[in-house]
Amino acid sequence: MINTLIISNILLWILVLVLVAVVFALVRQVGVLYERVAPAGALMSGKGLKTGELAPVLELQTIDGRALRIGGKASNHKSTLLFFLSPTCPVCKTLIPVLEAMRKSEKDWLDIVLASDGDPDEHRAWLKKQQMASWPYVLSPQLGMTMQVAKLPFAALIDEKGILCARGLVNSREHIESLFEARAQGVASIQEYLKAQQKQEQDVA
């Protein structure tokens, strides 16, 4: 009986050690995968306006009749995030709370302008339903064509000097934040930044 207990204990300890080794190996693999998988950035098209250049200046009007200038040097020294959406776009709706949070947390350096096109009355009703009547909201096909908006939701970031910092298709909070990071790093997109980092690592190696 004693011999059986000793053998069973030895086998259990061997099993425990094997499991520990397997878990350790899995943790290492997860770490390797985390390093290899790049963070998702806004999906930028190669066509249209070039980032790093001055954005075209457009004199527009918000849906409630206020004059709004897009592009050029900002009098309030803030950057502008243009967010192109549609009331019928499901993904756009999921990003509204994200924009509301950013409107508060980034207010010291960022203004957010919503943009779309279509029937003004329908958009006013939608804004009222969403309790967003105070947001700067522009209906301008010209703005969409200028920024080369092909799919929604789409965002473009223009800095306080009127330079187009980044733009692209945004489907998540991370995509929008990638525009901010691209501005901070002085690159057109997170993808461009990661390619540059990989090239530096290869050159060093």
N, C-alpha and C. Protein backbone atom coordinates (compact mmCIF):
# COMPACT_ATOMS: atom_id res chain seq x y z
N MET A 1 0.83 -1.22 0.00
CA MET A 1 0.00 0.00 0.00
C MET A 1 0.86 1.26 0.00
N ILE A 2 1.89 1.26 0.88
CA ILE A 2 2.77 2.43 0.98
C ILE A 2 3.51 2.66 -0.35
N ASN A 3 3.97 1.55 -0.93
CA ASN A 3 4.68 1.66 -2.21
C ASN A 3 3.77 2.25 -3.29
N THR A 4 2.50 1.83 -3.27
CA THR A 4 1.54 2.35 -4.25
C THR A 4 1.34 3.85 -4.09
N LEU A 5 1.23 4.33 -2.84
CA LEU A 5 1.07 5.75 -2.57
C LEU A 5 2.28 6.56 -3.04
N ILE A 6 3.45 5.99 -2.77
CA ILE A 6 4.69 6.68 -3.16
C ILE A 6 4.75 6.81 -4.68
N ILE A 7 4.43 5.71 -5.36
CA ILE A 7 4.47 5.72 -6.83
C ILE A 7 3.46 6.72 -7.40
N SER A 8 2.24 6.70 -6.81
CA SER A 8 1.20 7.62 -7.29
C SER A 8 1.60 9.08 -7.06
N ASN A 9 2.23 9.36 -5.91
CA ASN A 9 2.69 10.73 -5.63
C ASN A 9 3.77 11.16 -6.61
N ILE A 10 4.68 10.23 -6.90
CA ILE A 10 5.74 10.55 -7.86
C ILE A 10 5.15 10.86 -9.23
N LEU A 11 4.17 10.03 -9.64
CA LEU A 11 3.53 10.24 -10.94
C LEU A 11 2.79 11.58 -10.99
N LEU A 12 2.12 11.92 -9.85
CA LEU A 12 1.42 13.20 -9.79
C LEU A 12 2.38 14.37 -9.90
N TRP A 13 3.52 14.27 -9.21
CA TRP A 13 4.51 15.35 -9.29
C TRP A 13 5.09 15.47 -10.70
N ILE A 14 5.30 14.35 -11.34
CA ILE A 14 5.79 14.38 -12.73
C ILE A 14 4.76 15.08 -13.63
N LEU A 15 3.47 14.74 -13.42
CA LEU A 15 2.39 15.34 -14.19
C LEU A 15 2.33 16.85 -13.96
N VAL A 16 2.47 17.25 -12.69
CA VAL A 16 2.45 18.68 -12.35
C VAL A 16 3.60 19.41 -13.04
N LEU A 17 4.78 18.83 -13.00
CA LEU A 17 5.95 19.45 -13.64
C LEU A 17 5.76 19.56 -15.15
N VAL A 18 5.17 18.51 -15.75
CA VAL A 18 4.90 18.57 -17.19
C VAL A 18 3.92 19.69 -17.51
N LEU A 19 2.87 19.82 -16.69
CA LEU A 19 1.88 20.89 -16.90
C LEU A 19 2.51 22.27 -16.74
N VAL A 20 3.39 22.42 -15.76
CA VAL A 20 4.08 23.70 -15.56
C VAL A 20 4.92 24.04 -16.79
N ALA A 21 5.61 23.04 -17.33
CA ALA A 21 6.44 23.26 -18.52
C ALA A 21 5.58 23.66 -19.72
N VAL A 22 4.43 23.01 -19.87
CA VAL A 22 3.52 23.32 -20.98
C VAL A 22 2.99 24.74 -20.86
N VAL A 23 2.57 25.11 -19.64
CA VAL A 23 2.06 26.47 -19.41
C VAL A 23 3.14 27.51 -19.70
N PHE A 24 4.35 27.26 -19.25
CA PHE A 24 5.47 28.16 -19.49
C PHE A 24 5.71 28.34 -20.99
N ALA A 25 5.65 27.22 -21.72
CA ALA A 25 5.86 27.28 -23.17
C ALA A 25 4.75 28.09 -23.85
N LEU A 26 3.51 27.89 -23.39
CA LEU A 26 2.39 28.63 -23.96
C LEU A 26 2.51 30.13 -23.69
N VAL A 27 2.95 30.48 -22.47
CA VAL A 27 3.13 31.90 -22.13
C VAL A 27 4.17 32.54 -23.04
N ARG A 28 5.26 31.79 -23.30
CA ARG A 28 6.30 32.32 -24.19
C ARG A 28 5.76 32.52 -25.60
N GLN A 29 4.94 31.58 -26.08
CA GLN A 29 4.38 31.68 -27.42
C GLN A 29 3.43 32.87 -27.53
N VAL A 30 2.63 33.09 -26.49
CA VAL A 30 1.72 34.24 -26.48
C VAL A 30 2.52 35.54 -26.55
N GLY A 31 3.64 35.60 -25.82
CA GLY A 31 4.50 36.77 -25.85
C GLY A 31 5.07 37.03 -27.23
N VAL A 32 5.49 35.95 -27.90
CA VAL A 32 6.03 36.08 -29.26
C VAL A 32 4.97 36.56 -30.22
N LEU A 33 3.76 35.99 -30.12
CA LEU A 33 2.67 36.40 -30.99
C LEU A 33 2.30 37.86 -30.75
N TYR A 34 2.30 38.29 -29.50
CA TYR A 34 1.96 39.68 -29.16
C TYR A 34 2.95 40.64 -29.81
N GLU A 35 4.23 40.25 -29.85
CA GLU A 35 5.23 41.11 -30.46
C GLU A 35 5.09 41.15 -31.96
N ARG A 36 4.67 40.02 -32.55
CA ARG A 36 4.59 39.95 -34.01
C ARG A 36 3.33 40.60 -34.56
N VAL A 37 2.24 40.55 -33.79
CA VAL A 37 0.98 41.11 -34.28
C VAL A 37 0.99 42.62 -34.06
N ALA A 38 0.95 43.37 -35.14
CA ALA A 38 1.00 44.83 -35.05
C ALA A 38 -0.34 45.40 -34.62
N PRO A 39 -0.34 46.50 -33.86
CA PRO A 39 -1.61 47.13 -33.50
C PRO A 39 -2.33 47.64 -34.73
N ALA A 40 -3.65 47.52 -34.72
CA ALA A 40 -4.43 47.93 -35.88
C ALA A 40 -4.55 49.44 -35.93
N GLY A 41 -4.28 49.99 -37.09
CA GLY A 41 -4.43 51.43 -37.27
C GLY A 41 -5.53 51.71 -38.27
N ALA A 42 -5.85 52.97 -38.44
CA ALA A 42 -6.86 53.35 -39.42
C ALA A 42 -6.43 52.88 -40.80
N LEU A 43 -7.37 52.35 -41.58
CA LEU A 43 -7.07 51.82 -42.90
C LEU A 43 -7.03 52.97 -43.90
N MET A 44 -5.82 53.33 -44.32
CA MET A 44 -5.66 54.50 -45.17
C MET A 44 -5.51 54.08 -46.62
N SER A 45 -6.24 54.76 -47.49
CA SER A 45 -6.12 54.53 -48.92
C SER A 45 -4.95 55.31 -49.47
N GLY A 46 -4.30 54.76 -50.48
CA GLY A 46 -3.17 55.45 -51.08
C GLY A 46 -3.59 56.57 -52.02
N LYS A 47 -4.88 56.64 -52.30
CA LYS A 47 -5.37 57.66 -53.22
C LYS A 47 -5.74 58.94 -52.48
N GLY A 48 -5.83 60.02 -53.24
CA GLY A 48 -6.34 61.28 -52.68
C GLY A 48 -5.29 62.13 -52.02
N LEU A 49 -5.71 62.90 -51.02
CA LEU A 49 -4.84 63.85 -50.36
C LEU A 49 -3.66 63.16 -49.69
N LYS A 50 -2.54 63.86 -49.68
CA LYS A 50 -1.35 63.32 -49.02
C LYS A 50 -1.25 63.88 -47.61
N THR A 51 -0.96 63.00 -46.68
CA THR A 51 -0.75 63.46 -45.31
C THR A 51 0.58 64.20 -45.23
N GLY A 52 0.65 65.13 -44.29
CA GLY A 52 1.86 65.94 -44.15
C GLY A 52 1.81 67.22 -44.94
N GLU A 53 0.75 67.39 -45.75
CA GLU A 53 0.59 68.61 -46.54
C GLU A 53 -0.60 69.41 -46.03
N LEU A 54 -0.66 70.68 -46.42
CA LEU A 54 -1.76 71.53 -45.99
C LEU A 54 -3.08 71.01 -46.56
N ALA A 55 -4.07 70.93 -45.71
CA ALA A 55 -5.40 70.52 -46.17
C ALA A 55 -6.06 71.69 -46.89
N PRO A 56 -6.88 71.43 -47.90
CA PRO A 56 -7.59 72.52 -48.57
C PRO A 56 -8.48 73.28 -47.58
N VAL A 57 -8.56 74.58 -47.74
CA VAL A 57 -9.40 75.40 -46.86
C VAL A 57 -10.81 75.46 -47.43
N LEU A 58 -11.79 75.10 -46.62
CA LEU A 58 -13.19 75.12 -47.04
C LEU A 58 -14.00 75.96 -46.06
N GLU A 59 -14.77 76.88 -46.59
CA GLU A 59 -15.67 77.69 -45.77
C GLU A 59 -17.05 77.05 -45.84
N LEU A 60 -17.48 76.44 -44.74
CA LEU A 60 -18.72 75.68 -44.71
C LEU A 60 -19.69 76.25 -43.69
N GLN A 61 -20.82 75.61 -43.59
CA GLN A 61 -21.85 76.01 -42.63
C GLN A 61 -22.39 74.77 -41.94
N THR A 62 -22.52 74.84 -40.63
CA THR A 62 -23.07 73.70 -39.89
C THR A 62 -24.56 73.58 -40.15
N ILE A 63 -25.12 72.47 -39.71
CA ILE A 63 -26.53 72.20 -39.94
C ILE A 63 -27.45 73.20 -39.24
N ASP A 64 -26.91 73.85 -38.18
CA ASP A 64 -27.70 74.87 -37.49
C ASP A 64 -27.33 76.29 -37.89
N GLY A 65 -26.61 76.42 -39.00
CA GLY A 65 -26.37 77.74 -39.57
C GLY A 65 -25.11 78.46 -39.14
N ARG A 66 -24.25 77.82 -38.36
CA ARG A 66 -23.01 78.46 -37.92
C ARG A 66 -21.92 78.32 -38.98
N ALA A 67 -21.14 79.38 -39.15
CA ALA A 67 -20.02 79.33 -40.09
C ALA A 67 -18.93 78.44 -39.53
N LEU A 68 -18.34 77.64 -40.39
CA LEU A 68 -17.30 76.72 -39.96
C LEU A 68 -16.23 76.64 -41.03
N ARG A 69 -15.00 76.86 -40.62
CA ARG A 69 -13.86 76.80 -41.53
C ARG A 69 -13.06 75.53 -41.28
N ILE A 70 -12.88 74.76 -42.35
CA ILE A 70 -12.07 73.55 -42.27
C ILE A 70 -10.77 73.80 -43.01
N GLY A 71 -9.65 73.53 -42.33
CA GLY A 71 -8.35 73.78 -42.93
C GLY A 71 -7.83 75.16 -42.54
N GLY A 72 -6.58 75.40 -42.84
CA GLY A 72 -5.98 76.67 -42.46
C GLY A 72 -5.56 76.68 -41.00
N LYS A 73 -4.87 77.73 -40.59
CA LYS A 73 -4.41 77.86 -39.22
C LYS A 73 -5.58 78.10 -38.28
N ALA A 74 -5.68 77.30 -37.23
CA ALA A 74 -6.81 77.38 -36.30
C ALA A 74 -6.60 78.54 -35.33
N SER A 75 -7.63 79.38 -35.20
CA SER A 75 -7.53 80.54 -34.30
C SER A 75 -7.48 80.11 -32.83
N ASN A 76 -8.03 78.93 -32.53
CA ASN A 76 -8.03 78.46 -31.13
C ASN A 76 -6.86 77.50 -30.86
N HIS A 77 -5.97 77.36 -31.86
CA HIS A 77 -4.76 76.54 -31.71
C HIS A 77 -5.08 75.07 -31.42
N LYS A 78 -6.20 74.60 -31.94
CA LYS A 78 -6.58 73.21 -31.74
C LYS A 78 -6.57 72.44 -33.06
N SER A 79 -6.33 71.14 -32.95
CA SER A 79 -6.49 70.25 -34.11
C SER A 79 -7.97 69.94 -34.30
N THR A 80 -8.31 69.46 -35.50
CA THR A 80 -9.70 69.13 -35.80
C THR A 80 -9.79 67.69 -36.30
N LEU A 81 -10.66 66.92 -35.66
CA LEU A 81 -10.95 65.57 -36.12
C LEU A 81 -12.26 65.61 -36.89
N LEU A 82 -12.20 65.32 -38.18
CA LEU A 82 -13.40 65.21 -39.01
C LEU A 82 -13.86 63.76 -38.98
N PHE A 83 -15.08 63.55 -38.54
CA PHE A 83 -15.62 62.19 -38.48
C PHE A 83 -16.80 62.10 -39.43
N PHE A 84 -16.64 61.32 -40.49
CA PHE A 84 -17.67 61.16 -41.51
C PHE A 84 -18.54 59.96 -41.16
N LEU A 85 -19.86 60.21 -41.13
CA LEU A 85 -20.77 59.16 -40.69
C LEU A 85 -22.08 59.22 -41.46
N SER A 86 -22.93 58.27 -41.14
CA SER A 86 -24.29 58.25 -41.66
C SER A 86 -25.21 57.76 -40.56
N PRO A 87 -26.39 58.33 -40.40
CA PRO A 87 -27.33 57.86 -39.37
C PRO A 87 -27.74 56.40 -39.55
N THR A 88 -27.59 55.88 -40.77
CA THR A 88 -27.97 54.50 -41.03
C THR A 88 -26.78 53.53 -40.94
N CYS A 89 -25.61 54.04 -40.56
CA CYS A 89 -24.40 53.21 -40.48
C CYS A 89 -24.29 52.62 -39.08
N PRO A 90 -24.41 51.30 -38.91
CA PRO A 90 -24.36 50.68 -37.57
C PRO A 90 -23.02 50.90 -36.86
N VAL A 91 -21.92 50.78 -37.60
CA VAL A 91 -20.60 50.97 -36.99
C VAL A 91 -20.42 52.40 -36.51
N CYS A 92 -20.94 53.35 -37.30
CA CYS A 92 -20.86 54.76 -36.91
C CYS A 92 -21.52 54.99 -35.55
N LYS A 93 -22.67 54.36 -35.36
CA LYS A 93 -23.41 54.52 -34.10
C LYS A 93 -22.62 53.98 -32.91
N THR A 94 -21.91 52.88 -33.12
CA THR A 94 -21.14 52.31 -32.01
C THR A 94 -19.97 53.20 -31.60
N LEU A 95 -19.54 54.07 -32.51
CA LEU A 95 -18.40 54.94 -32.22
C LEU A 95 -18.81 56.29 -31.61
N ILE A 96 -20.10 56.57 -31.58
CA ILE A 96 -20.56 57.84 -31.01
C ILE A 96 -20.15 57.98 -29.54
N PRO A 97 -20.36 56.97 -28.69
CA PRO A 97 -19.90 57.09 -27.30
C PRO A 97 -18.40 57.32 -27.19
N VAL A 98 -17.64 56.71 -28.09
CA VAL A 98 -16.18 56.91 -28.10
C VAL A 98 -15.86 58.37 -28.40
N LEU A 99 -16.54 58.93 -29.39
CA LEU A 99 -16.32 60.33 -29.74
C LEU A 99 -16.74 61.27 -28.61
N GLU A 100 -17.83 60.91 -27.94
CA GLU A 100 -18.28 61.73 -26.80
C GLU A 100 -17.22 61.75 -25.70
N ALA A 101 -16.63 60.59 -25.43
CA ALA A 101 -15.59 60.51 -24.40
C ALA A 101 -14.36 61.30 -24.83
N MET A 102 -13.99 61.21 -26.11
CA MET A 102 -12.82 61.94 -26.61
C MET A 102 -13.07 63.44 -26.63
N ARG A 103 -14.30 63.80 -26.88
CA ARG A 103 -14.64 65.23 -26.90
C ARG A 103 -14.38 65.87 -25.54
N LYS A 104 -14.51 65.09 -24.50
CA LYS A 104 -14.25 65.59 -23.14
C LYS A 104 -12.78 65.44 -22.77
N SER A 105 -12.23 64.26 -23.02
CA SER A 105 -10.86 63.98 -22.56
C SER A 105 -9.80 64.71 -23.37
N GLU A 106 -10.08 64.99 -24.64
CA GLU A 106 -9.09 65.63 -25.51
C GLU A 106 -9.43 67.08 -25.84
N LYS A 107 -10.33 67.69 -25.07
CA LYS A 107 -10.84 69.02 -25.40
C LYS A 107 -9.78 70.11 -25.39
N ASP A 108 -8.68 69.90 -24.67
CA ASP A 108 -7.65 70.93 -24.58
C ASP A 108 -6.91 71.14 -25.90
N TRP A 109 -6.91 70.12 -26.76
CA TRP A 109 -6.17 70.26 -28.01
C TRP A 109 -6.97 69.85 -29.25
N LEU A 110 -8.19 69.33 -29.05
CA LEU A 110 -8.92 68.76 -30.18
C LEU A 110 -10.37 69.23 -30.25
N ASP A 111 -10.79 69.58 -31.47
CA ASP A 111 -12.21 69.80 -31.78
C ASP A 111 -12.67 68.66 -32.67
N ILE A 112 -13.89 68.19 -32.44
CA ILE A 112 -14.44 67.11 -33.27
C ILE A 112 -15.61 67.65 -34.07
N VAL A 113 -15.55 67.44 -35.37
CA VAL A 113 -16.61 67.89 -36.29
C VAL A 113 -17.20 66.66 -36.98
N LEU A 114 -18.50 66.51 -36.90
CA LEU A 114 -19.19 65.43 -37.59
C LEU A 114 -19.57 65.88 -38.99
N ALA A 115 -19.45 64.98 -39.95
CA ALA A 115 -19.72 65.35 -41.35
C ALA A 115 -20.51 64.24 -42.05
N SER A 116 -21.39 64.67 -42.94
CA SER A 116 -22.19 63.72 -43.70
C SER A 116 -22.80 64.46 -44.89
N ASP A 117 -23.79 63.87 -45.52
CA ASP A 117 -24.57 64.57 -46.54
C ASP A 117 -25.97 63.95 -46.59
N GLY A 118 -26.87 64.60 -47.31
CA GLY A 118 -28.24 64.09 -47.37
C GLY A 118 -29.26 65.14 -46.95
N ASP A 119 -30.45 64.68 -46.61
CA ASP A 119 -31.55 65.57 -46.24
C ASP A 119 -31.31 66.19 -44.86
N PRO A 120 -31.24 67.53 -44.76
CA PRO A 120 -30.98 68.19 -43.48
C PRO A 120 -31.99 67.84 -42.39
N ASP A 121 -33.28 67.74 -42.75
CA ASP A 121 -34.31 67.45 -41.75
C ASP A 121 -34.10 66.07 -41.12
N GLU A 122 -33.72 65.11 -41.93
CA GLU A 122 -33.46 63.76 -41.41
C GLU A 122 -32.28 63.77 -40.44
N HIS A 123 -31.26 64.52 -40.78
CA HIS A 123 -30.08 64.59 -39.92
C HIS A 123 -30.39 65.35 -38.63
N ARG A 124 -31.19 66.39 -38.71
CA ARG A 124 -31.58 67.12 -37.49
C ARG A 124 -32.37 66.22 -36.54
N ALA A 125 -33.28 65.44 -37.12
CA ALA A 125 -34.08 64.52 -36.29
C ALA A 125 -33.18 63.48 -35.63
N TRP A 126 -32.20 62.99 -36.37
CA TRP A 126 -31.27 62.01 -35.82
C TRP A 126 -30.43 62.61 -34.71
N LEU A 127 -29.92 63.83 -34.92
CA LEU A 127 -29.11 64.50 -33.90
C LEU A 127 -29.92 64.73 -32.62
N LYS A 128 -31.19 65.10 -32.80
CA LYS A 128 -32.05 65.33 -31.63
C LYS A 128 -32.28 64.02 -30.87
N LYS A 129 -32.47 62.95 -31.62
CA LYS A 129 -32.71 61.64 -31.01
C LYS A 129 -31.46 61.18 -30.23
N GLN A 130 -30.28 61.48 -30.79
CA GLN A 130 -29.03 61.09 -30.15
C GLN A 130 -28.57 62.08 -29.08
N GLN A 131 -29.34 63.15 -28.90
CA GLN A 131 -29.00 64.22 -27.96
C GLN A 131 -27.62 64.81 -28.26
N MET A 132 -27.42 65.11 -29.55
CA MET A 132 -26.14 65.64 -30.02
C MET A 132 -26.31 66.95 -30.78
N ALA A 133 -27.36 67.67 -30.45
CA ALA A 133 -27.67 68.90 -31.18
C ALA A 133 -26.58 69.96 -31.06
N SER A 134 -25.76 69.89 -30.01
CA SER A 134 -24.73 70.90 -29.81
C SER A 134 -23.44 70.61 -30.59
N TRP A 135 -23.35 69.44 -31.20
CA TRP A 135 -22.14 69.07 -31.94
C TRP A 135 -22.02 69.86 -33.24
N PRO A 136 -20.82 70.27 -33.63
CA PRO A 136 -20.64 70.84 -34.98
C PRO A 136 -20.92 69.74 -36.01
N TYR A 137 -21.91 69.97 -36.87
CA TYR A 137 -22.36 68.94 -37.80
C TYR A 137 -22.50 69.56 -39.18
N VAL A 138 -21.79 69.03 -40.13
CA VAL A 138 -21.74 69.60 -41.47
C VAL A 138 -22.31 68.63 -42.49
N LEU A 139 -23.17 69.13 -43.34
CA LEU A 139 -23.64 68.35 -44.49
C LEU A 139 -22.98 68.93 -45.73
N SER A 140 -21.99 68.23 -46.24
CA SER A 140 -21.21 68.78 -47.34
C SER A 140 -20.62 67.68 -48.21
N PRO A 141 -21.23 67.43 -49.37
CA PRO A 141 -20.62 66.49 -50.32
C PRO A 141 -19.22 66.94 -50.74
N GLN A 142 -19.03 68.25 -50.79
CA GLN A 142 -17.72 68.79 -51.19
C GLN A 142 -16.63 68.37 -50.21
N LEU A 143 -16.94 68.41 -48.91
CA LEU A 143 -15.96 68.01 -47.90
C LEU A 143 -15.61 66.54 -48.04
N GLY A 144 -16.63 65.71 -48.27
CA GLY A 144 -16.39 64.28 -48.45
C GLY A 144 -15.53 63.99 -49.66
N MET A 145 -15.79 64.69 -50.76
CA MET A 145 -14.99 64.48 -51.97
C MET A 145 -13.57 65.00 -51.78
N THR A 146 -13.43 66.12 -51.07
CA THR A 146 -12.10 66.68 -50.83
C THR A 146 -11.23 65.72 -50.02
N MET A 147 -11.84 65.08 -49.01
CA MET A 147 -11.10 64.16 -48.16
C MET A 147 -11.07 62.73 -48.72
N GLN A 148 -11.64 62.56 -49.92
CA GLN A 148 -11.63 61.25 -50.59
C GLN A 148 -12.26 60.15 -49.73
N VAL A 149 -13.46 60.45 -49.22
CA VAL A 149 -14.18 59.49 -48.39
C VAL A 149 -14.89 58.49 -49.30
N ALA A 150 -14.51 57.23 -49.20
CA ALA A 150 -15.12 56.19 -50.03
C ALA A 150 -16.06 55.31 -49.22
N LYS A 151 -15.69 55.02 -47.96
CA LYS A 151 -16.50 54.18 -47.09
C LYS A 151 -16.63 54.82 -45.72
N LEU A 152 -17.64 54.40 -44.98
CA LEU A 152 -17.88 54.93 -43.64
C LEU A 152 -17.75 53.80 -42.61
N PRO A 153 -17.40 54.19 -41.38
CA PRO A 153 -17.02 55.52 -40.90
C PRO A 153 -15.58 55.87 -41.30
N PHE A 154 -15.36 57.14 -41.55
CA PHE A 154 -14.07 57.64 -42.02
C PHE A 154 -13.69 58.84 -41.17
N ALA A 155 -12.40 59.00 -40.91
CA ALA A 155 -11.96 60.13 -40.10
C ALA A 155 -10.70 60.75 -40.69
N ALA A 156 -10.55 62.05 -40.49
CA ALA A 156 -9.36 62.76 -40.93
C ALA A 156 -8.95 63.73 -39.82
N LEU A 157 -7.66 63.79 -39.54
CA LEU A 157 -7.14 64.66 -38.49
C LEU A 157 -6.31 65.78 -39.09
N ILE A 158 -6.73 67.02 -38.82
CA ILE A 158 -6.03 68.20 -39.31
C ILE A 158 -5.48 68.94 -38.09
N ASP A 159 -4.18 69.24 -38.09
CA ASP A 159 -3.61 69.88 -36.91
C ASP A 159 -3.87 71.38 -36.89
N GLU A 160 -3.39 72.05 -35.84
CA GLU A 160 -3.68 73.46 -35.64
C GLU A 160 -3.07 74.36 -36.71
N LYS A 161 -2.13 73.83 -37.48
CA LYS A 161 -1.51 74.60 -38.57
C LYS A 161 -2.21 74.37 -39.90
N GLY A 162 -3.20 73.51 -39.89
CA GLY A 162 -3.93 73.21 -41.12
C GLY A 162 -3.34 72.06 -41.92
N ILE A 163 -2.42 71.31 -41.32
CA ILE A 163 -1.79 70.19 -42.01
C ILE A 163 -2.59 68.91 -41.79
N LEU A 164 -2.83 68.18 -42.85
CA LEU A 164 -3.52 66.89 -42.74
C LEU A 164 -2.55 65.88 -42.15
N CYS A 165 -2.80 65.47 -40.92
CA CYS A 165 -1.89 64.56 -40.20
C CYS A 165 -2.12 63.11 -40.55
N ALA A 166 -3.37 62.70 -40.62
CA ALA A 166 -3.71 61.30 -40.87
C ALA A 166 -5.16 61.21 -41.28
N ARG A 167 -5.50 60.15 -41.99
CA ARG A 167 -6.89 59.93 -42.38
C ARG A 167 -7.06 58.45 -42.70
N GLY A 168 -8.30 57.98 -42.67
CA GLY A 168 -8.54 56.59 -43.02
C GLY A 168 -9.86 56.07 -42.51
N LEU A 169 -10.16 54.85 -42.90
CA LEU A 169 -11.37 54.16 -42.46
C LEU A 169 -11.19 53.73 -41.01
N VAL A 170 -12.15 54.07 -40.17
CA VAL A 170 -12.04 53.76 -38.74
C VAL A 170 -13.24 52.92 -38.30
N ASN A 171 -12.95 51.76 -37.73
CA ASN A 171 -14.01 50.86 -37.28
C ASN A 171 -14.02 50.62 -35.78
N SER A 172 -13.09 51.27 -35.07
CA SER A 172 -12.99 51.04 -33.63
C SER A 172 -12.31 52.22 -32.96
N ARG A 173 -12.34 52.21 -31.64
CA ARG A 173 -11.65 53.24 -30.87
C ARG A 173 -10.15 53.25 -31.19
N GLU A 174 -9.58 52.04 -31.32
CA GLU A 174 -8.16 51.93 -31.60
C GLU A 174 -7.80 52.58 -32.93
N HIS A 175 -8.68 52.46 -33.91
CA HIS A 175 -8.42 53.09 -35.20
C HIS A 175 -8.37 54.62 -35.07
N ILE A 176 -9.32 55.16 -34.31
CA ILE A 176 -9.34 56.62 -34.13
C ILE A 176 -8.10 57.07 -33.37
N GLU A 177 -7.76 56.35 -32.31
CA GLU A 177 -6.58 56.72 -31.52
C GLU A 177 -5.31 56.59 -32.34
N SER A 178 -5.31 55.71 -33.34
CA SER A 178 -4.13 55.56 -34.18
C SER A 178 -3.86 56.84 -34.98
N LEU A 179 -4.91 57.60 -35.28
CA LEU A 179 -4.73 58.89 -35.96
C LEU A 179 -3.98 59.86 -35.05
N PHE A 180 -4.33 59.84 -33.77
CA PHE A 180 -3.65 60.70 -32.80
C PHE A 180 -2.18 60.29 -32.67
N GLU A 181 -1.95 58.98 -32.65
CA GLU A 181 -0.58 58.48 -32.51
C GLU A 181 0.25 58.80 -33.75
N ALA A 182 -0.38 58.71 -34.92
CA ALA A 182 0.31 59.06 -36.16
C ALA A 182 0.72 60.53 -36.13
N ARG A 183 -0.15 61.38 -35.62
CA ARG A 183 0.17 62.81 -35.48
C ARG A 183 1.35 63.01 -34.53
N ALA A 184 1.33 62.30 -33.41
CA ALA A 184 2.40 62.45 -32.42
C ALA A 184 3.74 61.96 -32.96
N GLN A 185 3.71 60.90 -33.78
CA GLN A 185 4.94 60.33 -34.32
C GLN A 185 5.37 61.01 -35.61
N GLY A 186 4.50 61.85 -36.17
CA GLY A 186 4.84 62.54 -37.42
C GLY A 186 4.86 61.63 -38.63
N VAL A 187 3.97 60.63 -38.63
CA VAL A 187 3.88 59.70 -39.76
C VAL A 187 2.46 59.71 -40.32
N ALA A 188 2.32 59.14 -41.51
CA ALA A 188 1.00 59.15 -42.16
C ALA A 188 0.05 58.15 -41.54
N SER A 189 0.60 57.07 -40.99
CA SER A 189 -0.24 56.04 -40.39
C SER A 189 0.60 55.20 -39.45
N ILE A 190 -0.07 54.44 -38.58
CA ILE A 190 0.62 53.53 -37.68
C ILE A 190 1.36 52.46 -38.47
N GLN A 191 0.76 52.03 -39.59
CA GLN A 191 1.43 51.04 -40.42
C GLN A 191 2.77 51.55 -40.92
N GLU A 192 2.80 52.82 -41.32
CA GLU A 192 4.06 53.41 -41.80
C GLU A 192 5.09 53.46 -40.67
N TYR A 193 4.63 53.80 -39.47
CA TYR A 193 5.52 53.87 -38.32
C TYR A 193 6.12 52.49 -38.01
N LEU A 194 5.26 51.45 -38.05
CA LEU A 194 5.74 50.09 -37.76
C LEU A 194 6.72 49.61 -38.81
N LYS A 195 6.49 49.96 -40.07
CA LYS A 195 7.42 49.58 -41.13
C LYS A 195 8.78 50.24 -40.91
N ALA A 196 8.75 51.51 -40.50
CA ALA A 196 10.00 52.21 -40.24
C ALA A 196 10.75 51.58 -39.07
N GLN A 197 9.98 51.18 -38.02
CA GLN A 197 10.60 50.55 -36.87
C GLN A 197 11.22 49.21 -37.25
N GLN A 198 10.51 48.43 -38.06
CA GLN A 198 11.03 47.14 -38.49
C GLN A 198 12.28 47.30 -39.34
N LYS A 199 12.30 48.33 -40.18
CA LYS A 199 13.47 48.59 -41.02
C LYS A 199 14.68 48.96 -40.16
N GLN A 200 14.44 49.76 -39.12
CA GLN A 200 15.53 50.13 -38.21
C GLN A 200 16.09 48.90 -37.51
N GLU A 201 15.18 48.01 -37.06
CA GLU A 201 15.63 46.79 -36.38
C GLU A 201 16.44 45.90 -37.32
N GLN A 202 16.00 45.82 -38.59
CA GLN A 202 16.72 45.01 -39.57
C GLN A 202 18.09 45.60 -39.86
N ASP A 203 18.15 46.94 -39.95
CA ASP A 203 19.43 47.60 -40.21
C ASP A 203 20.42 47.37 -39.07
N VAL A 204 19.89 47.42 -37.84
CA VAL A 204 20.74 47.19 -36.66
C VAL A 204 21.23 45.75 -36.63
N ALA A 205 20.31 44.83 -36.97
CA ALA A 205 20.67 43.41 -36.97
C ALA A 205 21.68 43.12 -38.06
